[in-house]
Amino acid sequence: LCEGVRDYARDQFGLLANTVFRIWGIHQTADIGEIVFHLIDQQFLSKTDSDRREDFWDLFDLPRALSDDYPMSMAEFSRSRR
């Protein structure tokens, strides 16, 4: 799920994905887990007996995953906009 969120964020926000997530208060994969469990609490999602918040802890470095290995660097992006 976290990898899908990462991919979707990169697709939707591009090089600004990390900035958007920071503004929204999403700094690590555990924050995505908190969102998921709030949706479960509000009955928008369901879970199994084995699903836990801890399943989302420290899966990967979210800021790095949002910005590393991007097909275009900020410098290239700036040059392409001229």
Protein backbone atom coordinates (compact mmCIF):
# COMPACT_ATOMS: atom_id res chain seq x y z
CA LEU A 1 0.00 0.00 0.00
CA CYS A 2 2.78 2.44 0.90
CA GLU A 3 4.58 1.76 -2.36
CA GLY A 4 1.35 2.47 -4.23
CA VAL A 5 0.92 5.75 -2.34
CA ARG A 6 4.50 6.66 -3.20
CA ASP A 7 4.01 5.87 -6.88
CA TYR A 8 0.72 7.74 -7.05
CA ALA A 9 2.19 10.79 -5.29
CA ARG A 10 5.13 10.88 -7.70
CA ASP A 11 2.75 10.57 -10.63
CA GLN A 12 0.39 13.28 -9.38
CA PHE A 13 2.85 15.77 -7.89
CA GLY A 14 6.10 15.01 -9.68
CA LEU A 15 9.13 16.66 -8.15
CA LEU A 16 6.89 18.40 -5.60
CA ALA A 17 5.62 15.13 -4.07
CA ASN A 18 7.91 15.36 -1.06
CA THR A 19 6.97 18.99 -0.46
CA VAL A 20 3.25 18.24 -0.71
CA PHE A 21 3.57 15.35 1.73
CA ARG A 22 5.54 17.51 4.19
CA ILE A 23 2.84 20.19 4.04
CA TRP A 24 0.20 17.51 4.70
CA GLY A 25 2.21 16.22 7.68
CA ILE A 26 3.14 12.92 6.04
CA HIS A 27 6.80 12.31 6.84
CA GLN A 28 7.14 8.54 7.08
CA THR A 29 5.33 5.34 6.15
CA ALA A 30 3.86 5.18 9.68
CA ASP A 31 1.92 8.37 8.85
CA ILE A 32 0.30 6.56 5.91
CA GLY A 33 -0.63 3.78 8.35
CA GLU A 34 -2.27 6.32 10.64
CA ILE A 35 -4.39 7.57 7.74
CA VAL A 36 -5.38 4.00 6.87
CA PHE A 37 -6.37 3.22 10.45
CA HIS A 38 -8.37 6.44 10.74
CA LEU A 39 -10.26 5.34 7.62
CA ILE A 40 -10.80 1.95 9.26
CA ASP A 41 -12.09 3.65 12.44
CA GLN A 42 -14.55 5.64 10.31
CA GLN A 43 -15.58 2.42 8.53
CA PHE A 44 -14.40 3.58 5.10
CA LEU A 45 -11.97 0.64 5.07
CA SER A 46 -11.91 -2.69 6.83
CA LYS A 47 -9.11 -4.78 8.26
CA THR A 48 -8.34 -8.33 9.22
CA ASP A 49 -7.51 -9.44 12.74
CA SER A 50 -3.82 -9.53 11.82
CA ASP A 51 -3.62 -5.96 10.43
CA ARG A 52 -1.76 -3.60 12.76
CA ARG A 53 -0.48 -0.04 12.69
CA GLU A 54 2.98 -1.46 13.19
CA ASP A 55 2.73 -3.02 9.73
CA PHE A 56 3.40 0.47 8.35
CA TRP A 57 6.38 1.36 10.54
CA ASP A 58 9.73 2.04 8.85
CA LEU A 59 8.97 0.29 5.55
CA PHE A 60 11.25 2.69 3.69
CA ASP A 61 12.51 6.26 3.84
CA LEU A 62 9.46 8.05 2.44
CA PRO A 63 11.07 11.44 1.64
CA ARG A 64 13.89 9.69 -0.19
CA ALA A 65 11.45 7.39 -2.02
CA LEU A 66 9.47 10.42 -3.20
CA SER A 67 12.51 12.19 -4.61
CA ASP A 68 15.31 9.71 -5.40
CA ASP A 69 15.74 8.14 -8.81
CA TYR A 70 13.37 10.64 -10.33
CA PRO A 71 13.62 10.59 -14.13
CA MET A 72 14.46 14.31 -14.18
CA SER A 73 16.43 16.36 -11.66
CA MET A 74 15.35 19.82 -10.55
CA ALA A 75 18.25 21.33 -12.53
CA GLU A 76 17.12 19.53 -15.70
CA PHE A 77 13.54 20.59 -15.06
CA SER A 78 14.60 24.24 -14.68
CA ARG A 79 16.59 24.11 -17.91
CA SER A 80 13.68 22.52 -19.80
CA ARG A 81 11.33 25.33 -18.69
CA ARG A 82 13.46 28.07 -20.29
